[in-house]
């Protein structure tokens, strides 16, 4: 396993950093978070159409760039560093993975080109009423009506659910969970759900005999793969945010003076920031290892995804706490970026499951007693 970037990957990262440095300053992040969409549509247009971030994991035959999940993880890491809100996680990860893993070639040909271009904003309704990823307890039910299906029930934590114009859903059938495409998105009852992290937008969906088309039935294995890809992507996002928290803390420690000296010169604070660096580097290693497994289709994806999800969540929680403490009171004000790191840590540590849940799953996958 080689974690060094290729020339193309290095150029992608540099381009993204340059674009986001220009278009995603702190005030722009707050303005986007306050908007109805939750992100800057002009920035998303640049990212999707000029850089092609939404097309990276999609094969060329379906209008994509034919790269993989490692490149998508690299993009998410960069977005996490700049705290930039975008629909990448919902559209180019969750929905794209669900379509690809469904194995439905016709659906791939019909749906993926629009997602790759950034014109289609897709999402996946995956959570049950308690916000858990568990297809066995999903609250959406699918009933066959002739050649089509109808969906009933409620879905929570639908990421970017208010603005999505292509909606996929996980629903129960008589033979198990399936993946469905909502044929009439306007028929969905949508309620915006506030999040701790203002750069994340959720919706609660209510469906009452909403027509749908099956993408895959008996999709338990496909959904397990989608979940692993989602965990990997979230871990990359968290690793980028953790790096931002470290960098802003180190920079502040050089500027803030106490007793006539920069606080970064105090040995106790040096040790704490050194510990932060260890957390950042190990989180990035865990995230990249999982992204490599996702991108290469390695057999150890489930283990690496669970490991990265647990480690990166805990690491970002630690970084966020240290970032707030070492900044003092200013770190929890609306005007300072540290509050964005803090809220990102708390929101993402619950999304797709808590760290302890991922550790328990990792123990089961390895045949060990869960810690």
Protein backbone atom coordinates (compact mmCIF):
# COMPACT_ATOMS: atom_id res chain seq x y z
CA UNK A 1 0.00 0.00 0.00
CA UNK A 2 1.53 3.29 -1.15
CA UNK A 3 0.12 6.50 0.37
CA UNK A 4 2.14 8.84 -1.84
CA UNK A 5 0.08 10.86 -4.30
CA UNK A 6 0.39 10.41 -8.05
CA UNK A 7 1.04 13.51 -10.13
CA UNK A 8 -2.66 13.66 -11.06
CA UNK A 9 -3.79 13.32 -7.45
CA UNK A 10 -1.30 15.93 -6.29
CA UNK A 11 -2.52 18.35 -8.97
CA UNK A 12 -6.13 17.68 -7.95
CA UNK A 13 -5.36 18.49 -4.32
CA UNK A 14 -3.45 21.67 -5.21
CA UNK A 15 -6.22 22.86 -7.52
CA UNK A 16 -8.87 22.25 -4.89
CA UNK A 17 -6.90 24.08 -2.19
CA UNK A 18 -6.42 27.05 -4.52
CA UNK A 19 -10.09 27.22 -5.50
CA UNK A 20 -11.37 26.78 -1.95
CA UNK A 21 -8.90 29.32 -0.58
CA UNK A 22 -10.45 31.89 -2.93
CA UNK A 23 -14.11 30.94 -2.64
CA UNK A 24 -14.51 29.44 0.82
CA UNK A 25 -13.32 32.05 3.29
CA UNK A 26 -14.89 31.93 6.78
CA UNK A 27 -17.52 34.55 6.00
CA UNK A 28 -18.52 32.69 2.82
CA UNK A 29 -18.88 29.48 4.82
CA UNK A 30 -21.20 31.19 7.28
CA UNK A 31 -23.22 32.82 4.52
CA UNK A 32 -23.63 29.50 2.70
CA UNK A 33 -24.62 27.78 5.93
CA UNK A 34 -27.31 30.42 6.47
CA UNK A 35 -28.72 30.00 2.95
CA UNK A 36 -31.65 27.76 2.05
CA UNK A 37 -29.44 25.26 0.23
CA UNK A 38 -26.72 25.23 2.86
CA UNK A 39 -23.92 25.62 0.32
CA UNK A 40 -22.74 28.04 -2.36
CA UNK A 41 -24.22 26.92 -5.72
CA UNK A 42 -21.61 28.90 -7.67
CA UNK A 43 -18.77 27.18 -5.83
CA UNK A 44 -20.43 23.81 -6.39
CA UNK A 45 -20.68 24.59 -10.10
CA UNK A 46 -16.95 25.28 -10.24
CA UNK A 47 -16.13 22.13 -8.27
CA UNK A 48 -18.44 19.86 -10.23
CA UNK A 49 -18.22 21.20 -13.77
CA UNK A 50 -14.71 22.65 -13.97
CA UNK A 51 -12.83 20.28 -11.64
CA UNK A 52 -15.17 17.30 -11.89
CA UNK A 53 -15.29 16.33 -8.20
CA UNK A 54 -18.69 14.62 -8.54
CA UNK A 55 -17.49 12.41 -11.39
CA UNK A 56 -14.39 10.88 -9.80
CA UNK A 57 -15.92 7.61 -8.58
CA UNK A 58 -18.08 7.12 -11.68
CA UNK A 59 -16.81 5.01 -14.57
CA UNK A 60 -16.20 6.68 -17.92
CA UNK A 61 -18.94 4.60 -19.56
CA UNK A 62 -21.43 6.36 -17.29
CA UNK A 63 -20.09 9.87 -17.89
CA UNK A 64 -17.57 9.91 -15.07
CA UNK A 65 -13.83 10.42 -14.79
CA UNK A 66 -13.15 6.78 -14.01
CA UNK A 67 -10.89 7.44 -11.02
CA UNK A 68 -12.17 5.97 -7.77
CA UNK A 69 -13.08 6.38 -4.12
CA UNK A 70 -9.51 7.28 -3.15
CA UNK A 71 -9.69 10.45 -5.25
CA UNK A 72 -13.14 11.20 -3.86
CA UNK A 73 -11.69 10.82 -0.36
CA UNK A 74 -8.93 13.25 -1.26
CA UNK A 75 -11.55 15.80 -2.32
CA UNK A 76 -13.51 15.30 0.91
CA UNK A 77 -10.34 15.73 2.97
CA UNK A 78 -9.71 19.05 1.24
CA UNK A 79 -13.32 20.18 1.68
CA UNK A 80 -13.05 19.21 5.34
CA UNK A 81 -9.92 21.30 5.76
CA UNK A 82 -11.59 24.38 4.31
CA UNK A 83 -14.84 23.70 6.20
CA UNK A 84 -16.62 24.17 2.88
CA UNK A 85 -20.25 23.00 2.67
CA UNK A 86 -21.17 21.07 -0.49
CA UNK A 87 -23.55 18.29 -1.61
CA UNK A 88 -20.63 15.98 -2.42
CA UNK A 89 -21.27 13.53 0.44
CA UNK A 90 -24.95 13.11 -0.38
CA UNK A 91 -24.83 13.14 -4.18
CA UNK A 92 -21.38 11.91 -5.25
CA UNK A 93 -20.93 9.41 -2.40
CA UNK A 94 -24.17 8.07 -0.90
CA UNK A 95 -26.41 8.22 -3.96
CA UNK A 96 -23.64 7.33 -6.41
CA UNK A 97 -22.51 4.35 -4.34
CA UNK A 98 -26.10 3.10 -4.03
CA UNK A 99 -26.60 3.26 -7.80
CA UNK A 100 -23.27 1.60 -8.57
CA UNK A 101 -23.67 -1.14 -5.96
CA UNK A 102 -27.22 -1.88 -7.12
CA UNK A 103 -25.69 -3.56 -10.16
CA UNK A 104 -28.45 -2.08 -12.30
CA UNK A 105 -26.73 -1.14 -15.57
CA UNK A 106 -29.76 0.69 -16.98
CA UNK A 107 -30.07 2.81 -13.85
CA UNK A 108 -26.35 3.61 -14.02
CA UNK A 109 -26.66 4.73 -17.65
CA UNK A 110 -29.72 6.84 -16.87
CA UNK A 111 -28.83 8.44 -13.53
CA UNK A 112 -25.06 8.71 -13.18
CA UNK A 113 -24.22 11.15 -16.02
CA UNK A 114 -26.31 13.90 -14.43
CA UNK A 115 -24.69 13.33 -11.04
CA UNK A 116 -21.22 13.35 -12.62
CA UNK A 117 -21.90 16.72 -14.25
CA UNK A 118 -23.25 18.20 -11.02
CA UNK A 119 -26.59 18.98 -12.65
CA UNK A 120 -28.42 16.28 -10.70
CA UNK A 121 -28.36 16.67 -6.93
CA UNK A 122 -29.07 13.23 -5.53
CA UNK A 123 -29.47 11.84 -2.04
CA UNK A 124 -30.18 8.55 -0.30
CA UNK A 125 -32.81 8.08 2.41
CA UNK A 126 -31.02 5.53 4.59
CA UNK A 127 -31.79 6.14 8.26
CA UNK A 128 -34.57 4.74 10.43
CA UNK A 129 -36.61 6.82 12.87
CA UNK A 130 -33.73 6.78 15.39
CA UNK A 131 -31.14 7.87 12.85
CA UNK A 132 -29.48 4.45 12.61
CA UNK A 133 -28.12 2.74 9.51
CA UNK A 134 -29.84 -0.62 9.82
CA UNK A 135 -31.75 -1.89 6.77
CA UNK A 136 -33.46 -4.49 8.98
CA UNK A 137 -35.20 -1.77 11.02
CA UNK A 138 -35.75 0.74 8.22
CA UNK A 139 -39.10 2.51 8.56
CA UNK A 140 -39.84 2.78 4.83
CA UNK A 141 -41.96 -0.03 3.38
CA UNK A 142 -42.25 -0.86 -0.32
CA UNK A 143 -45.33 -2.57 -1.77
CA UNK A 144 -45.57 -3.74 -5.35
CA UNK A 145 -48.24 -2.14 -7.53
CA UNK A 146 -48.17 -3.83 -10.92
CA UNK A 147 -44.73 -3.27 -12.44
CA UNK A 148 -43.96 -0.38 -10.12
CA UNK A 149 -43.73 0.08 -6.36
CA UNK A 150 -45.17 2.46 -3.78
CA UNK A 151 -43.26 3.62 -0.68
CA UNK A 152 -44.74 4.50 2.70
CA UNK A 153 -43.17 5.62 5.95
CA UNK A 154 -40.64 8.08 7.31
CA UNK A 155 -36.92 8.57 6.77
CA UNK A 156 -34.72 10.77 8.94
CA UNK A 157 -31.30 12.38 8.49
CA UNK A 158 -31.60 12.64 4.72
CA UNK A 159 -28.46 14.61 3.87
CA UNK A 160 -29.20 17.63 1.61
CA UNK A 161 -32.72 16.26 1.42
CA UNK A 162 -34.43 19.61 0.96
CA UNK A 163 -32.72 20.44 -2.34
CA UNK A 164 -32.28 16.99 -3.89
CA UNK A 165 -34.00 16.44 -7.24
CA UNK A 166 -33.11 12.75 -7.41
CA UNK A 167 -34.08 10.73 -4.35
CA UNK A 168 -33.11 7.14 -3.69
CA UNK A 169 -34.45 5.24 -0.71
CA UNK A 170 -33.80 2.09 1.27
CA UNK A 171 -37.12 0.34 1.90
CA UNK A 172 -38.31 -2.99 3.23
CA UNK A 173 -39.94 -5.56 0.98
CA UNK A 174 -41.27 -9.03 1.70
CA UNK A 175 -37.86 -10.49 0.81
CA UNK A 176 -35.66 -7.94 2.60
CA UNK A 177 -34.28 -4.42 2.06
CA UNK A 178 -34.20 -2.95 -1.43
CA UNK A 179 -32.89 0.19 -3.12
CA UNK A 180 -35.51 2.29 -4.90
CA UNK A 181 -35.66 5.41 -7.06
CA UNK A 182 -38.45 7.81 -6.17
CA UNK A 183 -40.35 8.58 -9.38
CA UNK A 184 -42.13 11.67 -8.06
CA UNK A 185 -39.81 13.57 -5.69
CA UNK A 186 -42.39 16.36 -5.39
CA UNK A 187 -44.73 13.91 -3.65
CA UNK A 188 -42.36 13.59 -0.69
CA UNK A 189 -43.20 15.52 2.45
CA UNK A 190 -39.97 17.28 3.43
CA UNK A 191 -39.16 18.93 6.74
CA UNK A 192 -35.81 20.62 7.30
CA UNK A 193 -33.98 19.24 10.34
CA UNK A 194 -31.46 21.51 12.09
CA UNK A 195 -27.98 20.14 12.71
CA UNK A 196 -25.30 21.08 15.22
CA UNK A 197 -22.94 21.58 12.28
CA UNK A 198 -24.49 24.39 10.27
CA UNK A 199 -22.59 23.26 7.15
CA UNK A 200 -24.62 20.01 7.18
CA UNK A 201 -28.25 20.02 6.06
CA UNK A 202 -30.70 17.24 6.91
CA UNK A 203 -34.33 16.61 6.11
CA UNK A 204 -37.02 14.28 7.39
CA UNK A 205 -39.05 12.63 4.63
CA UNK A 206 -42.64 11.46 4.91
CA UNK A 207 -43.85 9.19 2.10
CA UNK A 208 -47.44 8.18 1.49
CA UNK A 209 -47.92 5.85 -1.48
CA UNK A 210 -45.10 7.60 -3.35
CA UNK A 211 -44.39 5.80 -6.65
CA UNK A 212 -40.94 4.25 -6.98
CA UNK A 213 -38.86 2.06 -9.24
CA UNK A 214 -36.67 -0.75 -7.96
CA UNK A 215 -32.93 -0.51 -8.50
CA UNK A 216 -32.09 -3.63 -6.50
CA UNK A 217 -33.98 -6.12 -4.34
CA UNK A 218 -32.45 -8.30 -1.64
CA UNK A 219 -29.85 -5.55 -1.41
CA UNK A 220 -28.42 -6.26 2.03
CA UNK A 221 -24.90 -6.96 0.70
CA UNK A 222 -25.01 -3.92 -1.60
CA UNK A 223 -26.12 -1.66 1.26
CA UNK A 224 -23.34 -2.97 3.49
CA UNK A 225 -20.86 -1.89 0.81
CA UNK A 226 -22.57 1.51 0.49
CA UNK A 227 -22.30 1.99 4.24
CA UNK A 228 -18.58 1.15 4.20
CA UNK A 229 -18.00 3.68 1.41
CA UNK A 230 -19.96 6.28 3.40
CA UNK A 231 -17.83 5.61 6.50
CA UNK A 232 -14.62 5.93 4.50
CA UNK A 233 -15.76 9.21 2.96
CA UNK A 234 -16.80 10.63 6.31
CA UNK A 235 -13.44 9.62 7.82
CA UNK A 236 -11.60 11.51 5.07
CA UNK A 237 -13.80 14.54 5.72
CA UNK A 238 -13.05 14.36 9.44
CA UNK A 239 -9.31 13.96 8.84
CA UNK A 240 -9.27 17.17 6.80
CA UNK A 241 -11.19 19.06 9.48
CA UNK A 242 -8.83 17.76 12.16
CA UNK A 243 -5.85 19.12 10.21
CA UNK A 244 -7.59 22.51 10.01
CA UNK A 245 -8.15 22.50 13.78
CA UNK A 246 -4.47 21.74 14.39
CA UNK A 247 -3.22 24.37 11.95
CA UNK A 248 -5.38 27.16 13.36
CA UNK A 249 -4.34 26.24 16.92
CA UNK A 250 -0.63 26.28 16.10
CA UNK A 251 -0.99 29.60 14.29
CA UNK A 252 -2.87 31.14 17.22
CA UNK A 253 -0.24 29.89 19.68
CA UNK A 254 2.36 31.92 17.77
CA UNK A 255 0.29 35.11 17.99
CA UNK A 256 -1.21 35.04 21.49
CA UNK A 257 1.14 36.33 24.15
CA UNK A 258 1.08 35.72 27.89
CA UNK A 259 3.68 36.94 30.39
CA UNK A 260 5.46 38.60 27.48
CA UNK A 261 5.88 35.39 25.49
CA UNK A 262 3.94 33.63 22.73
CA UNK A 263 1.94 30.85 24.42
CA UNK A 264 3.30 28.39 21.82
CA UNK A 265 6.68 28.64 23.53
CA UNK A 266 5.37 27.05 26.74
CA UNK A 267 6.42 23.44 27.00
CA UNK A 268 3.08 22.20 28.33
CA UNK A 269 1.26 23.62 25.30
CA UNK A 270 3.91 22.28 22.94
CA UNK A 271 3.22 18.79 24.30
CA UNK A 272 -0.52 19.18 23.81
CA UNK A 273 -0.08 20.34 20.23
CA UNK A 274 2.34 17.48 19.60
CA UNK A 275 -0.38 15.10 20.77
CA UNK A 276 -2.79 16.83 18.39
CA UNK A 277 -0.35 16.24 15.53
CA UNK A 278 -0.21 12.53 16.34
CA UNK A 279 -4.01 12.38 16.27
CA UNK A 280 -4.13 14.19 12.92
CA UNK A 281 -1.51 12.03 11.23
CA UNK A 282 -2.92 8.73 12.47
CA UNK A 283 -6.44 9.79 11.48
CA UNK A 284 -5.24 10.60 7.99
CA UNK A 285 -3.43 7.28 7.74
CA UNK A 286 -6.53 5.35 8.83
CA UNK A 287 -8.74 7.29 6.41
CA UNK A 288 -6.38 6.84 3.46
CA UNK A 289 -5.95 3.13 4.17
CA UNK A 290 -9.74 2.71 4.12
CA UNK A 291 -10.05 4.84 0.97
CA UNK A 292 -7.40 2.70 -0.71
CA UNK A 293 -9.40 -0.43 0.13
CA UNK A 294 -12.58 1.17 -1.20
CA UNK A 295 -10.88 2.30 -4.39
CA UNK A 296 -9.25 -1.06 -5.10
CA UNK A 297 -12.14 -3.27 -4.03
CA UNK A 298 -9.98 -4.95 -1.38
CA UNK A 299 -11.48 -7.69 0.77
CA UNK A 300 -10.61 -5.80 3.97
CA UNK A 301 -12.82 -2.80 3.21
CA UNK A 302 -15.30 -3.52 6.00
CA UNK A 303 -12.56 -3.77 8.63
CA UNK A 304 -10.71 -0.68 7.43
CA UNK A 305 -13.94 1.32 7.16
CA UNK A 306 -14.95 0.46 10.73
CA UNK A 307 -11.44 1.20 12.00
CA UNK A 308 -11.24 4.56 10.22
CA UNK A 309 -14.74 5.57 11.30
CA UNK A 310 -13.96 4.92 14.97
CA UNK A 311 -10.46 6.41 14.98
CA UNK A 312 -11.24 9.55 12.96
CA UNK A 313 -14.33 10.37 15.02
CA UNK A 314 -12.38 10.12 18.27
CA UNK A 315 -9.43 12.02 16.80
CA UNK A 316 -11.58 14.92 15.61
CA UNK A 317 -13.36 15.07 18.97
CA UNK A 318 -9.97 15.36 20.67
CA UNK A 319 -8.69 17.97 18.21
CA UNK A 320 -11.86 20.04 18.55
CA UNK A 321 -11.68 20.02 22.35
CA UNK A 322 -8.02 21.04 22.35
CA UNK A 323 -8.66 23.67 19.69
CA UNK A 324 -11.35 25.29 21.83
CA UNK A 325 -9.30 25.14 25.04
CA UNK A 326 -6.07 26.44 23.56
CA UNK A 327 -7.88 29.32 21.90
CA UNK A 328 -9.58 30.30 25.13
CA UNK A 329 -13.02 31.91 25.08
CA UNK A 330 -12.83 33.17 21.49
CA UNK A 331 -13.02 29.61 20.17
CA UNK A 332 -16.73 29.32 20.89
CA UNK A 333 -17.82 32.60 19.29
CA UNK A 334 -19.69 32.69 15.98
CA UNK A 335 -16.99 34.86 14.41
CA UNK A 336 -14.17 32.35 14.94
CA UNK A 337 -13.56 29.24 12.81
CA UNK A 338 -12.90 27.06 15.85
CA UNK A 339 -16.62 26.80 16.51
CA UNK A 340 -17.01 25.25 13.05
CA UNK A 341 -14.45 22.57 13.91
CA UNK A 342 -16.16 21.93 17.24
CA UNK A 343 -19.61 21.57 15.67
CA UNK A 344 -18.28 19.43 12.80
CA UNK A 345 -16.74 17.05 15.35
CA UNK A 346 -19.94 16.64 17.35
CA UNK A 347 -22.19 16.23 14.31
CA UNK A 348 -20.07 13.78 12.37
CA UNK A 349 -19.25 11.63 15.41
CA UNK A 350 -22.92 10.62 15.45
CA UNK A 351 -23.53 10.32 11.71
CA UNK A 352 -23.63 6.69 10.43
CA UNK A 353 -23.02 5.47 14.00
CA UNK A 354 -20.93 6.32 17.05
CA UNK A 355 -17.27 5.37 17.43
CA UNK A 356 -18.10 2.67 19.96
CA UNK A 357 -20.51 1.11 17.46
CA UNK A 358 -17.77 0.95 14.84
CA UNK A 359 -15.30 -0.53 17.36
CA UNK A 360 -17.81 -3.20 18.28
CA UNK A 361 -18.36 -4.01 14.61
CA UNK A 362 -14.60 -4.14 14.02
CA UNK A 363 -14.23 -6.59 16.86
CA UNK A 364 -16.94 -8.79 15.38
CA UNK A 365 -15.35 -8.67 11.93
CA UNK A 366 -11.99 -9.67 13.39
CA UNK A 367 -13.51 -12.35 15.58
CA UNK A 368 -12.53 -10.50 18.74
CA UNK A 369 -14.47 -9.45 21.80
CA UNK A 370 -15.64 -5.87 21.25
CA UNK A 371 -13.92 -3.29 23.41
